[in-house]
Amino acid sequence: MIDRLDAMRVFVTALDEGSLASAGRRLNRSPAAVTRAMAALESHVGAQLLHRTTRRLQLTEAGETYAAVCRRVLTELDDADLAVAGNRAAPQGVLTVTAPVMFGTRVLRPVVGEFLKAYPAMQVRYLLLNRMTNLLDEGIDVALRIAPLQESNLIALRIGEVRRVLCASPKYLAGRPPIASLSDLAQHDFIGIEPTGPDDIWSFPPLAGGRIPRTVRVKPRLMVNTDEAAVSAAVDGEGIARIFSYKIQHEVSGGSLVVLLPEDEPPPVPVHLITLPGRLSLAKVRTFMDFAAVRLRADFARTPPHPEDRRSSRERLDAEVSRQRLTPQRNAAGGPSRSP
């Protein structure tokens, strides 16, 4: 009779390690024993779960579905063992955390590194995904979400908020008409992020006392499919981009990008750490959420607040553009550039 839980663990370990041989070494089993466990599991479910090649393992369609279930089952069993053993005060085991790609890379990843140093018995499976995840189906312990929360059954810890901003480089702005209001945007070039089309409409809040949102029709001269490419293009002076503030925090601090028309920004978007109700009692989940919340809130506190004074924000923009105009441009050889 097949030991299903044991076979599931072999299956998941093989996926994590990349091969059956590596799974055997990690589990201290012979290659033959690992192969027999996988064959028995596939026979039991009546479907092939893995395509085996000489170089790597590849999940079949059935394998993708079954792998997600196996991860969830094994994680819940491991967590139950820890809880019964009285280890709630000493976090250990594997924690699965997910976040959007750029936030996860720029902001949360250093926090995960600090957490691992503080808790040597912990392992973190860190997934950076630009899509909404199902915490239960995908076996996720903690997710970071940048959006208003819809699911009422989630435990949410608010850690801050981000703004959707217009930005451009001082280099671009120095040679273009000034931007004092939304109507001035018609004279400028834009960087679109797919699924933006050749024609796109950007919405902005109503004027004070108004009820109808304002819109600006833009025709991006450059369309890219990643936020990283949009930020890079904006820094290089290709045009104006619209993007979440955390994605350009370093560039704004360093002066390579300037935020435009902050008074016309839409309301900030909340940022939460979320988990399922049944998981908050686990030491590893509770400890990570508390640990990350303190550090992320401190990081948000260092972020410049939403500008309230139109004049002061305009003065900052003018100063950046003036500095750019006064700085001699350099050619590829390092000397001042000359007009033809």
Protein backbone atom coordinates (compact mmCIF):
# COMPACT_ATOMS: atom_id res chain seq x y z
CA MET A 1 0.00 0.00 0.00
CA ILE A 2 1.30 3.44 -0.90
CA ASP A 3 2.24 5.88 1.86
CA ARG A 4 0.58 8.86 0.22
CA LEU A 5 1.97 11.52 2.52
CA ASP A 6 5.48 10.18 2.13
CA ALA A 7 5.09 10.04 -1.65
CA MET A 8 3.74 13.60 -1.65
CA ARG A 9 6.83 14.75 0.24
CA VAL A 10 9.08 13.02 -2.30
CA PHE A 11 7.15 14.72 -5.12
CA VAL A 12 7.40 18.21 -3.61
CA THR A 13 11.05 17.76 -2.66
CA ALA A 14 11.88 16.69 -6.22
CA LEU A 15 10.25 19.87 -7.52
CA ASP A 16 12.15 22.04 -5.05
CA GLU A 17 15.49 20.32 -5.74
CA GLY A 18 15.03 20.07 -9.51
CA SER A 19 15.67 16.34 -9.89
CA LEU A 20 14.81 12.97 -8.38
CA ALA A 21 18.47 12.34 -7.56
CA SER A 22 18.74 15.60 -5.61
CA ALA A 23 15.50 14.79 -3.79
CA GLY A 24 16.97 11.44 -2.78
CA ARG A 25 20.08 13.09 -1.35
CA ARG A 26 18.00 15.60 0.61
CA LEU A 27 15.71 12.88 1.99
CA ASN A 28 18.59 10.42 2.50
CA ARG A 29 17.10 7.84 0.15
CA SER A 30 18.42 5.88 -2.78
CA PRO A 31 17.53 6.95 -6.34
CA ALA A 32 15.60 3.69 -6.74
CA ALA A 33 13.47 4.42 -3.65
CA VAL A 34 12.64 7.91 -4.89
CA THR A 35 11.74 6.60 -8.35
CA ARG A 36 9.49 3.91 -6.82
CA ALA A 37 7.71 6.51 -4.65
CA MET A 38 7.01 8.73 -7.68
CA ALA A 39 5.80 5.80 -9.76
CA ALA A 40 3.48 4.67 -6.96
CA LEU A 41 2.08 8.18 -6.56
CA GLU A 42 1.39 8.56 -10.28
CA SER A 43 -0.23 5.13 -10.33
CA HIS A 44 -2.40 6.07 -7.37
CA VAL A 45 -3.68 9.34 -8.89
CA GLY A 46 -3.95 7.80 -12.36
CA ALA A 47 -2.02 10.54 -14.13
CA GLN A 48 1.52 11.46 -15.06
CA LEU A 49 2.72 14.26 -12.78
CA LEU A 50 6.21 14.89 -14.16
CA HIS A 51 7.94 14.93 -17.53
CA ARG A 52 11.41 13.56 -16.86
CA THR A 53 14.34 14.66 -19.01
CA THR A 54 18.08 14.27 -18.54
CA ARG A 55 18.36 17.90 -17.43
CA ARG A 56 15.27 18.80 -15.46
CA LEU A 57 11.79 17.91 -14.27
CA GLN A 58 8.75 19.56 -15.80
CA LEU A 59 5.26 19.45 -14.34
CA THR A 60 2.41 18.16 -16.44
CA GLU A 61 -0.92 19.98 -16.31
CA ALA A 62 -2.17 17.43 -13.78
CA GLY A 63 1.10 17.79 -11.89
CA GLU A 64 0.68 21.55 -11.50
CA THR A 65 -2.72 21.10 -9.86
CA TYR A 66 -1.58 18.23 -7.66
CA ALA A 67 1.63 19.98 -6.58
CA ALA A 68 -0.32 22.94 -5.18
CA VAL A 69 -2.53 20.57 -3.16
CA CYS A 70 0.48 18.60 -1.90
CA ARG A 71 2.26 21.74 -0.71
CA ARG A 72 -0.83 22.86 1.19
CA VAL A 73 -1.38 19.46 2.82
CA LEU A 74 2.25 19.04 3.86
CA THR A 75 2.50 22.59 5.18
CA GLU A 76 -0.62 22.17 7.30
CA LEU A 77 0.65 18.87 8.71
CA ASP A 78 4.05 20.35 9.56
CA ASP A 79 2.37 23.34 11.20
CA ALA A 80 0.11 21.04 13.23
CA ASP A 81 3.15 19.12 14.47
CA LEU A 82 4.85 22.34 15.54
CA ALA A 83 1.75 23.60 17.36
CA VAL A 84 1.23 20.34 19.25
CA ALA A 85 4.92 20.17 20.14
CA GLY A 86 4.63 23.52 21.86
CA ASN A 87 6.89 25.41 19.46
CA ARG A 88 4.61 28.39 18.99
CA ALA A 89 7.02 30.62 20.91
CA ALA A 90 10.02 29.52 18.82
CA PRO A 91 9.29 29.96 15.10
CA GLN A 92 10.75 27.30 12.86
CA GLY A 93 9.99 25.53 9.61
CA VAL A 94 9.24 26.81 6.12
CA LEU A 95 7.35 30.08 5.61
CA THR A 96 5.89 30.87 2.17
CA VAL A 97 5.70 34.59 1.44
CA THR A 98 4.57 36.33 -1.75
CA ALA A 99 4.72 39.93 -2.97
CA PRO A 100 4.58 41.92 -6.24
CA VAL A 101 7.87 41.73 -8.13
CA MET A 102 9.23 45.28 -7.74
CA PHE A 103 8.01 45.79 -4.18
CA GLY A 104 9.31 42.39 -3.25
CA THR A 105 12.70 43.11 -4.80
CA ARG A 106 13.22 46.69 -3.66
CA VAL A 107 11.43 46.84 -0.31
CA LEU A 108 10.44 43.49 1.21
CA ARG A 109 13.43 41.34 0.23
CA PRO A 110 15.84 43.04 2.67
CA VAL A 111 13.27 42.51 5.44
CA VAL A 112 13.13 38.80 4.62
CA GLY A 113 16.92 38.68 4.86
CA GLU A 114 16.86 40.32 8.30
CA PHE A 115 14.18 37.86 9.42
CA LEU A 116 16.29 34.86 8.41
CA LYS A 117 19.27 36.24 10.35
CA ALA A 118 17.11 36.81 13.42
CA TYR A 119 15.51 33.33 13.30
CA PRO A 120 18.08 30.72 12.19
CA ALA A 121 15.58 27.85 12.44
CA MET A 122 13.38 29.41 9.76
CA GLN A 123 13.37 28.89 6.00
CA VAL A 124 11.49 31.22 3.63
CA ARG A 125 10.03 30.30 0.26
CA TYR A 126 9.83 33.74 -1.37
CA LEU A 127 7.57 34.10 -4.42
CA LEU A 128 7.50 37.34 -6.43
CA LEU A 129 4.35 37.37 -8.55
CA ASN A 130 2.50 40.17 -10.34
CA ARG A 131 -0.88 38.49 -9.93
CA MET A 132 -3.46 37.92 -7.24
CA THR A 133 -2.76 34.70 -5.38
CA ASN A 134 -5.11 32.31 -3.60
CA LEU A 135 -3.52 31.80 -0.20
CA LEU A 136 -5.33 28.55 0.55
CA ASP A 137 -4.97 26.84 -2.83
CA GLU A 138 -1.33 27.87 -3.31
CA GLY A 139 -0.15 27.14 0.21
CA ILE A 140 0.88 30.73 0.98
CA ASP A 141 1.41 31.81 4.58
CA VAL A 142 1.76 35.57 4.15
CA ALA A 143 1.06 37.81 1.16
CA LEU A 144 1.75 41.48 0.64
CA ARG A 145 -1.02 43.20 -1.29
CA ILE A 146 -1.07 46.67 -2.82
CA ALA A 147 -4.79 47.21 -3.38
CA PRO A 148 -8.01 47.78 -1.47
CA LEU A 149 -8.88 44.48 0.21
CA GLN A 150 -11.90 42.60 -1.10
CA GLU A 151 -11.84 39.31 0.84
CA SER A 152 -13.51 39.80 4.21
CA ASN A 153 -12.19 36.54 5.71
CA LEU A 154 -8.51 37.54 5.61
CA ILE A 155 -6.46 38.77 8.54
CA ALA A 156 -4.91 42.03 7.34
CA LEU A 157 -2.19 44.20 8.85
CA ARG A 158 -1.99 47.64 7.24
CA ILE A 159 1.62 48.78 6.86
CA GLY A 160 1.34 51.88 4.72
CA GLU A 161 0.15 53.27 1.42
CA VAL A 162 1.58 54.08 -1.98
CA ARG A 163 0.74 56.77 -4.51
CA ARG A 164 0.24 56.50 -8.25
CA VAL A 165 2.37 59.33 -9.60
CA LEU A 166 3.42 61.02 -12.81
CA CYS A 167 7.17 61.27 -13.18
CA ALA A 168 9.83 62.35 -15.66
CA SER A 169 13.53 63.10 -15.64
CA PRO A 170 14.88 66.65 -15.27
CA LYS A 171 16.72 65.97 -18.54
CA TYR A 172 13.40 65.45 -20.35
CA LEU A 173 11.66 68.39 -18.66
CA ALA A 174 14.49 70.83 -19.40
CA GLY A 175 13.74 70.87 -23.10
CA ARG A 176 9.94 70.72 -23.01
CA PRO A 177 7.05 73.10 -22.23
CA PRO A 178 6.44 73.61 -18.48
CA ILE A 179 3.81 71.48 -16.74
CA ALA A 180 1.57 73.48 -14.42
CA SER A 181 -1.73 71.62 -14.88
CA LEU A 182 -3.18 68.48 -16.42
CA SER A 183 -3.99 70.36 -19.62
CA ASP A 184 -0.27 70.90 -20.21
CA LEU A 185 0.26 67.14 -20.58
CA ALA A 186 -1.09 67.30 -24.14
CA GLN A 187 2.24 68.76 -25.25
CA HIS A 188 4.33 65.89 -23.91
CA ASP A 189 5.51 62.37 -24.69
CA PHE A 190 4.41 59.39 -22.62
CA ILE A 191 5.68 55.97 -21.67
CA GLY A 192 2.93 53.35 -21.58
CA ILE A 193 3.00 50.05 -19.69
CA GLU A 194 1.11 47.19 -21.33
CA PRO A 195 -1.77 46.43 -21.46
CA THR A 196 -1.86 50.13 -22.35
CA GLY A 197 -2.88 50.55 -25.98
CA PRO A 198 -1.89 53.15 -28.59
CA ASP A 199 -4.58 55.36 -27.08
CA ASP A 200 -5.09 55.35 -23.33
CA ILE A 201 -7.11 57.42 -20.88
CA TRP A 202 -5.63 58.36 -17.53
CA SER A 203 -8.11 59.29 -14.80
CA PHE A 204 -7.54 61.91 -12.11
CA PRO A 205 -9.67 63.08 -9.16
CA PRO A 206 -12.27 65.83 -9.66
CA LEU A 207 -11.40 69.42 -8.90
CA ALA A 208 -12.17 70.59 -5.37
CA GLY A 209 -15.93 70.64 -4.98
CA GLY A 210 -16.44 68.71 -8.21
CA ARG A 211 -17.88 65.24 -8.71
CA ILE A 212 -16.73 64.22 -12.18
CA PRO A 213 -13.26 62.68 -12.48
CA ARG A 214 -10.92 64.40 -14.91
CA THR A 215 -9.37 62.44 -17.76
CA VAL A 216 -6.36 62.88 -19.99
CA ARG A 217 -6.04 61.00 -23.28
CA VAL A 218 -2.46 59.98 -23.90
CA LYS A 219 -0.73 58.40 -26.89
CA PRO A 220 2.40 56.70 -25.58
CA ARG A 221 5.36 57.04 -27.93
CA LEU A 222 7.00 54.14 -26.12
CA MET A 223 5.13 51.11 -24.80
CA VAL A 224 6.87 48.57 -22.55
CA ASN A 225 5.68 45.45 -20.77
CA THR A 226 7.44 45.84 -17.41
CA ASP A 227 7.55 48.54 -14.77
CA GLU A 228 11.34 48.26 -14.63
CA ALA A 229 11.57 49.18 -18.31
CA ALA A 230 9.22 52.15 -17.81
CA VAL A 231 11.35 53.49 -14.95
CA SER A 232 14.53 53.06 -16.98
CA ALA A 233 13.01 54.83 -19.98
CA ALA A 234 11.78 57.70 -17.83
CA VAL A 235 15.25 58.14 -16.30
CA ASP A 236 16.71 58.21 -19.82
CA GLY A 237 14.39 61.06 -20.79
CA GLU A 238 11.99 59.17 -23.07
CA GLY A 239 8.89 60.83 -21.62
CA ILE A 240 6.42 60.86 -18.73
CA ALA A 241 5.47 57.64 -16.93
CA ARG A 242 2.66 56.91 -14.48
CA ILE A 243 3.69 54.44 -11.83
CA PHE A 244 3.46 53.56 -8.14
CA SER A 245 5.64 55.77 -5.95
CA TYR A 246 7.63 52.93 -4.35
CA LYS A 247 8.91 51.88 -7.77
CA ILE A 248 10.73 55.19 -8.24
CA GLN A 249 11.62 56.00 -4.62
CA HIS A 250 15.37 55.57 -5.19
CA GLU A 251 15.30 57.56 -8.44
CA VAL A 252 13.38 60.46 -6.88
CA SER A 253 15.70 60.51 -3.86
CA GLY A 254 18.71 60.55 -6.18
CA GLY A 255 17.32 63.29 -8.41
CA SER A 256 17.10 61.26 -11.62
CA LEU A 257 13.28 61.49 -11.62
CA VAL A 258 10.87 64.23 -10.53
CA VAL A 259 7.24 63.73 -9.47
CA LEU A 260 4.84 65.88 -11.50
CA LEU A 261 1.52 67.44 -10.47
CA PRO A 262 1.37 65.75 -7.04
CA GLU A 263 -1.72 67.81 -6.20
CA ASP A 264 -3.64 65.94 -8.91
CA GLU A 265 -2.77 62.43 -7.75
CA PRO A 266 -5.58 59.95 -7.05
CA PRO A 267 -6.07 58.77 -3.45
CA PRO A 268 -3.24 56.60 -2.10
CA VAL A 269 -3.52 52.81 -2.38
CA PRO A 270 -3.27 50.82 0.88
CA VAL A 271 -0.58 48.19 1.47
CA HIS A 272 -1.31 45.20 3.71
CA LEU A 273 0.30 42.03 4.95
CA ILE A 274 -2.41 39.35 4.87
CA THR A 275 -2.84 35.79 6.06
CA LEU A 276 -5.64 33.30 6.56
CA PRO A 277 -7.40 33.31 9.96
CA GLY A 278 -6.22 29.83 10.88
CA ARG A 279 -2.56 30.61 10.22
CA LEU A 280 -2.09 33.59 12.52
CA SER A 281 -1.83 31.25 15.52
CA LEU A 282 1.33 29.73 14.03
CA ALA A 283 4.50 31.16 15.51
CA LYS A 284 6.25 31.46 12.16
CA VAL A 285 3.39 33.48 10.62
CA ARG A 286 2.70 35.69 13.61
CA THR A 287 6.39 36.39 14.19
CA PHE A 288 7.08 37.25 10.55
CA MET A 289 4.08 39.58 10.27
CA ASP A 290 5.08 41.45 13.43
CA PHE A 291 8.73 41.57 12.37
CA ALA A 292 7.98 42.78 8.83
CA ALA A 293 5.29 45.27 9.86
CA VAL A 294 7.65 47.20 12.16
CA ARG A 295 10.33 47.52 9.48
CA LEU A 296 8.00 48.25 6.58
CA ARG A 297 6.13 50.91 8.53
CA ALA A 298 9.45 52.55 9.34
CA ASP A 299 10.35 52.44 5.65
CA PHE A 300 7.04 54.05 4.69
CA ALA A 301 7.57 56.70 7.37
CA ARG A 302 10.80 57.71 5.62
CA THR A 303 8.98 58.11 2.30
CA PRO A 304 8.15 61.76 1.47
CA PRO A 305 4.48 62.47 2.29
CA HIS A 306 1.92 63.53 -0.25
CA PRO A 307 2.69 67.21 -0.99
CA GLU A 308 0.03 69.59 0.24
CA ASP A 309 1.51 72.86 -0.99
CA ARG A 310 1.27 73.42 -4.75
CA ARG A 311 3.78 76.27 -4.67
CA SER A 312 6.48 74.35 -2.80
CA SER A 313 6.18 71.31 -5.07
CA ARG A 314 6.37 73.56 -8.12
CA GLU A 315 9.46 75.24 -6.70
CA ARG A 316 11.14 71.87 -6.25
CA LEU A 317 10.38 70.93 -9.83
CA ASP A 318 11.64 74.28 -11.16
CA ALA A 319 14.85 73.88 -9.17
CA GLU A 320 15.52 70.43 -10.63
CA VAL A 321 14.86 71.60 -14.18
CA SER A 322 16.98 74.73 -13.73
CA ARG A 323 19.86 72.65 -12.40
CA GLN A 324 19.59 70.36 -15.42
CA ARG A 325 19.67 73.31 -17.83
CA LEU A 326 22.77 74.71 -16.16
CA THR A 327 24.68 71.41 -16.22
CA PRO A 328 26.79 71.00 -19.41
CA GLN A 329 25.81 67.86 -21.32
CA ARG A 330 28.57 65.32 -21.97
CA ASN A 331 29.21 63.41 -25.13
CA ALA A 332 30.33 59.80 -25.30
CA ALA A 333 34.01 60.78 -25.00
CA GLY A 334 33.39 62.66 -21.76
CA GLY A 335 33.67 66.22 -23.08
CA PRO A 336 30.98 68.89 -23.39
CA SER A 337 28.57 68.22 -26.24
CA ARG A 338 28.24 70.75 -29.06
CA SER A 339 25.35 71.55 -31.29
CA PRO A 340 25.98 70.71 -34.97
